[in-house]
Protein backbone atom coordinates (compact mmCIF):
# COMPACT_ATOMS: atom_id res chain seq x y z
CA MET A 1 -55.84 92.30 106.16
CA SER A 2 -55.19 96.00 106.77
CA GLU A 3 -56.81 95.73 110.14
CA ALA A 4 -54.50 92.79 111.09
CA VAL A 5 -51.41 94.77 110.06
CA LYS A 6 -52.61 97.78 111.94
CA SER A 7 -52.97 95.62 115.03
CA VAL A 8 -49.14 94.86 115.17
CA SER A 9 -47.42 97.35 117.35
CA PRO A 10 -43.98 98.87 116.72
CA GLN A 11 -42.66 97.10 119.84
CA GLU A 12 -43.69 93.70 118.48
CA LEU A 13 -42.04 94.43 115.15
CA GLU A 14 -38.87 95.50 116.87
CA GLN A 15 -38.87 92.31 118.95
CA ALA A 16 -39.39 90.17 115.83
CA PHE A 17 -36.48 91.85 114.04
CA SER A 18 -34.33 91.36 117.12
CA LEU A 19 -35.12 87.62 117.19
CA PHE A 20 -34.40 87.37 113.47
CA ASN A 21 -31.05 89.10 113.86
CA GLU A 22 -30.16 86.84 116.78
CA ALA A 23 -31.04 83.69 114.76
CA SER A 24 -29.04 85.00 111.82
CA ALA A 25 -26.05 85.59 114.06
CA GLN A 26 -26.30 82.04 115.49
CA LEU A 27 -26.54 80.54 112.01
CA THR A 28 -23.56 82.59 110.88
CA GLY A 29 -21.50 81.36 113.90
CA ALA A 30 -22.53 77.75 113.34
CA TYR A 31 -21.62 78.02 109.67
CA GLN A 32 -18.21 79.47 110.49
CA GLU A 33 -17.59 76.75 113.09
CA LEU A 34 -18.66 74.07 110.61
CA GLN A 35 -16.39 75.58 107.99
CA GLY A 36 -13.48 75.48 110.48
CA GLN A 37 -14.16 71.82 111.24
CA VAL A 38 -14.27 71.03 107.53
CA GLU A 39 -10.91 72.76 107.02
CA ARG A 40 -9.43 70.91 110.03
CA LEU A 41 -10.75 67.55 108.86
CA THR A 42 -9.50 68.28 105.36
CA GLY A 43 -6.03 68.92 106.78
CA GLU A 44 -6.15 65.77 108.88
CA LEU A 45 -7.32 63.74 105.88
CA ALA A 46 -4.47 65.12 103.83
CA LEU A 47 -2.01 64.12 106.55
CA ALA A 48 -3.57 60.64 106.80
CA ASN A 49 -3.43 60.22 103.03
CA GLY A 50 0.20 61.29 103.05
CA GLU A 51 1.01 58.76 105.83
CA LEU A 52 -0.85 56.00 104.01
CA ARG A 53 0.97 56.86 100.80
CA ARG A 54 4.28 56.74 102.64
CA GLN A 55 3.44 53.39 104.25
CA TYR A 56 2.31 51.99 100.90
CA GLN A 57 5.55 53.11 99.28
CA GLU A 58 7.58 51.55 102.11
CA LYS A 59 5.63 48.28 101.83
CA GLU A 60 6.02 48.32 98.07
CA ALA A 61 9.79 48.80 98.45
CA LEU A 62 9.89 46.04 101.10
CA SER A 63 7.89 43.74 98.83
CA GLN A 64 10.34 44.37 96.00
CA ARG A 65 13.32 43.70 98.29
CA LEU A 66 11.71 40.47 99.56
CA ALA A 67 10.95 39.38 96.01
CA MET A 68 14.58 40.01 95.00
CA LEU A 69 15.81 38.19 98.11
CA LEU A 70 13.47 35.26 97.44
CA ALA A 71 14.70 35.03 93.86
CA ALA A 72 18.34 35.14 94.99
CA LEU A 73 17.97 32.52 97.76
CA PRO A 74 19.87 29.29 97.06
CA ALA A 75 17.17 27.40 99.00
CA GLY A 76 13.90 26.52 97.34
CA VAL A 77 10.76 28.19 98.70
CA VAL A 78 7.29 26.89 97.88
CA VAL A 79 4.14 28.59 99.21
CA VAL A 80 1.16 26.22 99.52
CA ASP A 81 -2.39 27.44 100.24
CA GLY A 82 -4.91 25.89 102.62
CA ALA A 83 -6.11 23.50 99.91
CA GLY A 84 -2.58 22.14 99.40
CA VAL A 85 -2.08 23.89 96.04
CA ILE A 86 1.20 25.63 95.15
CA ARG A 87 0.68 29.38 94.79
CA GLU A 88 4.27 30.65 94.71
CA ALA A 89 7.70 29.14 94.03
CA ASN A 90 11.06 30.85 93.73
CA ALA A 91 13.70 30.19 91.07
CA ALA A 92 15.63 27.72 93.26
CA ALA A 93 12.50 25.60 93.80
CA THR A 94 11.85 25.61 90.06
CA ARG A 95 15.43 24.46 89.38
CA MET A 96 15.03 21.63 91.90
CA LEU A 97 11.51 20.46 91.06
CA GLY A 98 11.06 21.61 87.46
CA ASP A 99 8.84 24.16 85.72
CA GLY A 100 5.10 24.45 85.95
CA LEU A 101 4.80 24.18 89.73
CA LEU A 102 2.11 26.82 90.15
CA ASP A 103 -1.48 25.63 90.68
CA LYS A 104 -0.35 22.01 91.18
CA PRO A 105 -1.04 20.08 94.41
CA TRP A 106 2.14 19.97 96.52
CA SER A 107 1.48 16.32 97.47
CA GLN A 108 1.44 15.38 93.77
CA VAL A 109 4.71 17.19 93.07
CA ALA A 110 6.38 15.62 96.13
CA ALA A 111 5.20 12.09 95.26
CA HIS A 112 6.44 12.44 91.67
CA SER A 113 9.83 14.00 92.36
CA LEU A 114 10.95 13.03 95.88
CA ARG A 115 12.01 9.74 97.49
CA GLN A 116 12.31 9.46 101.27
CA THR A 117 15.62 8.44 102.84
CA PRO A 118 16.33 6.80 106.23
CA MET A 119 17.36 10.22 107.57
CA PRO A 120 14.52 12.33 109.01
CA HIS A 121 13.52 15.32 106.83
CA GLU A 122 15.90 14.26 104.03
CA TRP A 123 14.74 13.24 100.57
CA GLU A 124 16.38 12.18 97.30
CA MET A 125 15.49 13.24 93.80
CA THR A 126 16.90 12.88 90.30
CA ALA A 127 17.69 16.27 88.76
CA ALA A 128 17.12 17.20 85.10
CA ASP A 129 20.78 16.34 84.33
CA GLU A 130 20.25 12.81 85.78
CA THR A 131 22.38 13.54 88.85
CA LEU A 132 21.17 12.38 92.26
CA CYS A 133 20.36 15.22 94.65
CA ARG A 134 19.64 15.13 98.37
CA LEU A 135 17.27 17.69 99.88
CA ASN A 136 16.50 18.69 103.45
CA ILE A 137 12.83 19.71 103.63
CA SER A 138 11.18 21.68 106.41
CA VAL A 139 7.57 22.88 106.57
CA SER A 140 6.30 25.96 108.44
CA PRO A 141 2.57 26.70 108.79
CA LEU A 142 1.14 30.04 107.70
CA ALA A 143 -1.06 31.74 110.29
CA ALA A 144 -3.49 33.12 107.71
CA GLY A 145 -5.46 30.81 105.44
CA GLY A 146 -4.09 27.55 106.84
CA GLY A 147 -1.36 27.26 104.21
CA GLN A 148 2.31 26.44 104.64
CA ILE A 149 5.78 27.37 103.45
CA VAL A 150 8.00 24.52 102.27
CA LEU A 151 11.76 25.15 102.41
CA LEU A 152 14.04 22.93 100.32
CA HIS A 153 17.77 22.95 101.08
CA ASP A 154 20.15 21.17 98.72
CA VAL A 155 22.45 19.18 101.02
CA THR A 156 23.94 17.00 98.28
CA GLU A 157 27.49 18.28 98.77
CA ALA A 158 27.34 17.92 102.55
CA TYR A 159 25.92 14.40 102.18
CA GLN A 160 28.67 13.43 99.74
CA MET A 161 31.30 14.79 102.12
CA GLU A 162 29.76 12.83 104.98
CA GLN A 163 29.74 9.66 102.88
CA ALA A 164 33.39 10.22 101.93
CA LEU A 165 34.26 10.73 105.59
CA GLN A 166 32.50 7.51 106.53
CA ARG A 167 34.41 5.65 103.79
CA HIS A 168 37.70 7.03 105.08
CA GLN A 169 36.76 6.08 108.62
CA ARG A 170 35.85 2.58 107.47
CA LEU A 171 39.13 2.25 105.58
CA SER A 172 40.96 3.41 108.68
CA ALA A 173 39.04 0.87 110.76
CA MET A 174 39.89 -1.82 108.21
CA GLY A 175 43.56 -0.94 108.56
CA GLU A 176 43.30 -1.36 112.31
CA MET A 177 41.38 -4.58 111.74
CA ALA A 178 44.09 -5.98 109.51
CA ALA A 179 46.60 -5.50 112.29
CA GLY A 180 44.27 -6.90 114.92
CA LEU A 181 43.12 -9.78 112.74
CA ALA A 182 46.60 -11.24 112.49
CA HIS A 183 46.73 -11.44 116.27
CA GLN A 184 43.17 -12.76 116.52
CA LEU A 185 43.78 -15.52 113.99
CA ARG A 186 47.18 -16.60 115.29
CA THR A 187 46.13 -18.10 118.61
CA PRO A 188 43.11 -20.22 117.53
CA LEU A 189 44.96 -21.33 114.39
CA ALA A 190 48.01 -22.40 116.39
CA THR A 191 45.76 -24.25 118.84
CA ALA A 192 43.90 -26.01 116.01
CA LEU A 193 47.22 -27.04 114.46
CA LEU A 194 48.39 -28.39 117.80
CA TYR A 195 45.26 -30.52 118.23
CA ALA A 196 45.50 -31.68 114.59
CA ALA A 197 49.14 -32.67 115.14
CA ASN A 198 48.10 -34.82 118.10
CA LEU A 199 45.78 -36.71 115.80
CA THR A 200 48.80 -38.02 113.85
CA LYS A 201 50.31 -39.75 116.87
CA PRO A 202 50.55 -43.53 116.32
CA GLY A 203 48.48 -45.70 118.61
CA LEU A 204 46.20 -42.83 119.72
CA ALA A 205 43.20 -44.19 121.59
CA GLU A 206 39.76 -43.56 120.12
CA PRO A 207 38.51 -41.38 123.03
CA GLU A 208 41.62 -39.21 122.77
CA ARG A 209 41.27 -38.97 118.99
CA ILE A 210 37.64 -37.84 119.38
CA ARG A 211 38.61 -35.30 122.06
CA PHE A 212 41.40 -33.78 119.94
CA SER A 213 39.13 -33.73 116.87
CA GLU A 214 36.40 -31.87 118.76
CA LYS A 215 38.86 -29.33 120.14
CA ALA A 216 40.38 -28.74 116.70
CA LEU A 217 36.92 -28.31 115.18
CA ALA A 218 35.95 -25.88 117.94
CA ARG A 219 39.00 -23.72 117.19
CA LEU A 220 38.28 -23.82 113.45
CA ARG A 221 34.64 -22.83 114.06
CA HIS A 222 35.92 -19.94 116.15
CA LEU A 223 38.10 -18.89 113.20
CA GLU A 224 35.10 -19.11 110.86
CA GLN A 225 33.00 -16.99 113.24
CA LEU A 226 35.77 -14.42 113.41
CA ILE A 227 36.07 -14.19 109.63
CA GLN A 228 32.28 -13.98 109.15
CA GLY A 229 32.10 -11.20 111.71
CA MET A 230 34.89 -9.31 109.98
CA LEU A 231 33.12 -9.62 106.62
CA SER A 232 29.87 -8.35 108.15
CA PHE A 233 31.72 -5.36 109.59
CA VAL A 234 33.43 -4.58 106.28
CA ARG A 235 30.16 -4.79 104.32
CA GLY A 236 28.68 -2.40 106.85
CA GLN A 237 25.94 -0.69 104.87
CA GLY A 238 23.90 -3.82 104.22
CA GLY A 239 21.80 -4.78 101.25
CA GLU A 240 18.28 -4.25 99.99
CA ARG A 241 16.00 -1.96 102.00
CA GLU A 242 12.40 -2.80 102.85
CA ALA A 243 9.64 -1.76 105.26
CA VAL A 244 10.22 -3.69 108.49
CA VAL A 245 7.14 -3.85 110.75
CA VAL A 246 8.50 -3.57 114.27
CA SER A 247 6.01 -5.98 115.89
CA ASP A 248 6.92 -8.72 113.38
CA PHE A 249 10.60 -7.88 113.86
CA LEU A 250 10.33 -8.41 117.63
CA ALA A 251 8.51 -11.72 117.12
CA GLU A 252 11.32 -12.90 114.83
CA LEU A 253 13.98 -11.93 117.38
CA ARG A 254 12.08 -13.74 120.12
CA GLN A 255 11.88 -16.90 118.04
CA ILE A 256 15.64 -16.80 117.42
CA ILE A 257 16.93 -16.05 120.91
CA GLU A 258 14.35 -17.41 123.38
CA PRO A 259 15.37 -21.11 123.02
CA GLN A 260 19.00 -20.22 123.81
CA MET A 261 17.96 -18.22 126.85
CA ALA A 262 15.64 -20.97 128.10
CA GLN A 263 18.50 -23.46 127.80
CA GLN A 264 20.64 -21.30 130.12
CA GLY A 265 17.80 -20.51 132.53
CA VAL A 266 17.49 -16.83 131.54
CA GLN A 267 14.04 -15.29 131.14
CA LEU A 268 13.25 -13.11 128.11
CA GLY A 269 10.72 -10.28 128.31
CA VAL A 270 9.46 -8.46 125.20
CA ASP A 271 7.82 -5.04 125.61
CA ASP A 272 6.30 -3.81 122.33
CA ARG A 273 5.37 -0.10 122.41
CA SER A 274 5.90 0.47 118.69
CA ASP A 275 2.21 1.21 118.00
CA GLY A 276 2.28 -0.68 114.69
CA CYS A 277 5.06 1.44 113.13
CA ALA A 278 7.67 0.28 110.61
CA VAL A 279 11.26 1.24 109.81
CA HIS A 280 12.88 1.29 106.37
CA GLY A 281 16.04 -0.77 106.26
CA ASP A 282 17.94 -3.99 105.60
CA ARG A 283 16.02 -6.60 107.61
CA LYS A 284 18.87 -9.13 107.73
CA ALA A 285 21.36 -6.52 108.94
CA LEU A 286 18.95 -5.25 111.61
CA VAL A 287 18.18 -8.78 112.81
CA GLY A 288 21.92 -9.55 112.97
CA ALA A 289 22.61 -6.39 114.99
CA MET A 290 19.85 -7.07 117.51
CA VAL A 291 20.80 -10.74 117.85
CA ASN A 292 24.36 -9.59 118.69
CA LEU A 293 22.97 -7.37 121.48
CA LEU A 294 20.70 -10.13 122.79
CA GLU A 295 23.53 -12.71 122.75
CA ASN A 296 25.76 -10.28 124.64
CA ALA A 297 22.99 -9.81 127.22
CA LEU A 298 22.61 -13.59 127.51
CA GLN A 299 26.34 -14.10 128.00
CA ALA A 300 26.39 -11.41 130.69
CA SER A 301 23.48 -13.01 132.61
CA ASN A 302 23.50 -15.84 135.11
CA ALA A 303 20.87 -18.57 135.44
CA GLY A 304 17.72 -17.03 136.88
CA GLY A 305 18.50 -13.66 135.28
CA ARG A 306 16.25 -11.66 132.99
CA VAL A 307 16.76 -9.93 129.64
CA VAL A 308 14.23 -7.35 128.40
CA LEU A 309 13.81 -6.40 124.74
CA ARG A 310 11.77 -3.21 124.33
CA ALA A 311 10.66 -1.17 121.32
CA GLU A 312 9.13 2.26 121.80
CA LEU A 313 8.47 5.43 119.82
CA THR A 314 10.35 8.54 120.92
CA ALA A 315 10.06 12.21 120.04
CA LYS A 316 10.67 13.48 116.50
CA GLY A 317 9.98 10.22 114.67
CA TRP A 318 12.54 7.81 116.15
CA LEU A 319 12.27 4.20 117.27
CA ALA A 320 14.31 3.05 120.28
CA LEU A 321 15.19 -0.67 120.46
CA THR A 322 16.49 -1.40 123.95
CA VAL A 323 18.16 -4.55 125.29
CA ARG A 324 18.59 -4.61 129.05
CA ASP A 325 20.08 -7.39 131.16
CA SER A 326 20.47 -8.02 134.86
CA GLY A 327 24.05 -9.24 134.52
CA ARG A 328 27.35 -8.04 135.85
CA GLY A 329 27.56 -4.84 133.82
CA PHE A 330 30.79 -3.11 132.81
CA ASP A 331 32.96 -0.30 134.10
CA ALA A 332 32.29 3.20 132.82
CA ALA A 333 35.94 3.40 131.72
CA LEU A 334 35.24 0.74 129.06
CA GLU A 335 32.21 2.50 127.56
CA ASP A 336 34.18 4.42 124.92
CA ARG A 337 35.92 1.25 123.68
CA LEU A 338 32.98 -1.14 123.53
CA PHE A 339 32.28 -0.52 119.83
CA GLU A 340 35.90 -0.75 118.66
CA PRO A 341 36.69 -3.70 116.35
CA PHE A 342 38.34 -6.63 118.22
CA PHE A 343 37.84 -5.09 121.65
CA THR A 344 36.30 -7.69 123.97
CA THR A 345 36.15 -8.46 127.70
CA ARG A 346 35.51 -12.17 127.11
CA ILE A 347 38.18 -14.76 126.42
CA GLU A 348 36.09 -16.44 123.74
CA GLY A 349 34.80 -13.19 122.22
CA THR A 350 35.78 -11.96 118.75
CA GLY A 351 35.31 -8.26 119.57
CA LEU A 352 33.32 -7.68 116.38
CA GLY A 353 29.71 -8.00 117.57
CA LEU A 354 29.26 -4.46 118.88
CA ALA A 355 31.36 -3.01 116.04
CA ILE A 356 28.91 -4.61 113.61
CA VAL A 357 25.97 -3.17 115.57
CA ARG A 358 27.44 0.32 115.31
CA GLY A 359 28.04 -0.11 111.57
CA VAL A 360 24.42 -1.19 111.02
CA ALA A 361 23.13 1.73 113.11
CA GLU A 362 25.16 4.28 111.15
CA ALA A 363 24.16 2.72 107.81
CA HIS A 364 20.49 3.23 108.75
CA GLY A 365 20.97 6.82 109.93
CA GLY A 366 20.68 5.74 113.57
CA THR A 367 22.76 5.63 116.73
CA ILE A 368 23.79 3.09 119.35
CA GLU A 369 24.65 3.82 122.96
CA ALA A 370 25.43 1.77 126.05
CA ARG A 371 24.73 2.44 129.72
CA SER A 372 25.86 0.36 132.68
CA ALA A 373 27.22 0.29 136.17
CA SER A 374 29.42 -2.55 137.35
CA GLY A 375 27.28 -5.21 139.01
CA GLU A 376 23.97 -3.56 138.02
CA GLY A 377 23.39 -4.87 134.50
CA SER A 378 23.73 -3.18 131.11
CA GLU A 379 21.44 -1.41 128.66
CA PHE A 380 22.06 -0.97 124.94
CA VAL A 381 19.78 1.37 122.96
CA LEU A 382 19.67 1.26 119.15
CA ARG A 383 17.78 4.28 117.76
CA LEU A 384 16.47 4.28 114.19
CA PRO A 385 14.54 6.91 112.23
CA ILE A 386 11.00 5.85 111.34
């Protein structure tokens, strides 16, 4: 051992100490650099924590504001998860639909509380105080989780105002009708009386008696038709509602009108694009309205003409029932007056057919419109919500 130590020279020892000092200096520098990085990262982490804390506080404040806003909203808000279960409901929704909404399937709550109306997106329900409410319901999907938000707007007051307006408009129309009816009844009644008076002439030949009787009866039938049309217009909103399958409805219309058209040499075409859908309404009123349109088309057509009855689905859940003829058409100036009571372009017309059609359309939440050009036929489109 002593010989090994003696063999190490002073130069080698000096070199070893120099290497050791150099390694120590490098370790000291690395440690200082590492300590600086730790301090820098600690500062950055503190800043990040402060930013996260600030963002959390802002989100917490926003969440509180949104919760207060949701509670104060007059509209009902129901949050449904991807499985169709109610997870949140604000106070307005609870007032509308009752307590205990959470964790119930939305479809079950809707089926129990809501009844669909002819108007798209509008539903009826009976409130806790037994009053009838009308709700407008819209659904928006949630991007995350496949859920949805259901918004319920109470439109009861607006609906009642609209109904009152329609009643006032109908009363106004009835006032106009009363004035027009006196004029409409006077001429056929006077004519019937004239023919009836001729029947009292002594020595009247049998052929003449038959001719006067038939003319008097024709005028009286015209009066009856006029009065029936007026009553249909006044009733307006129709009776009991049912599900009317459109394909069956078209078949019924064809059975009613096709023999009359064949008798006058007019061809009837039926184009069913309803895809098996049904509408909710008064079947008799709807049949009467469409028969009025088809009879008008028949009267406007000449022998060899063609009338097309078409049913097709349109955007946003509507059914369009179209009657198109190849007749003489009407001037655009008359378009605004076609649906007025007692307005007619035919001598034998009562002027109530199209007014009745408009009343039926409005009673079912639908619309009626007419398009034509003189000499190019006419098209009437009755649109109804499905």
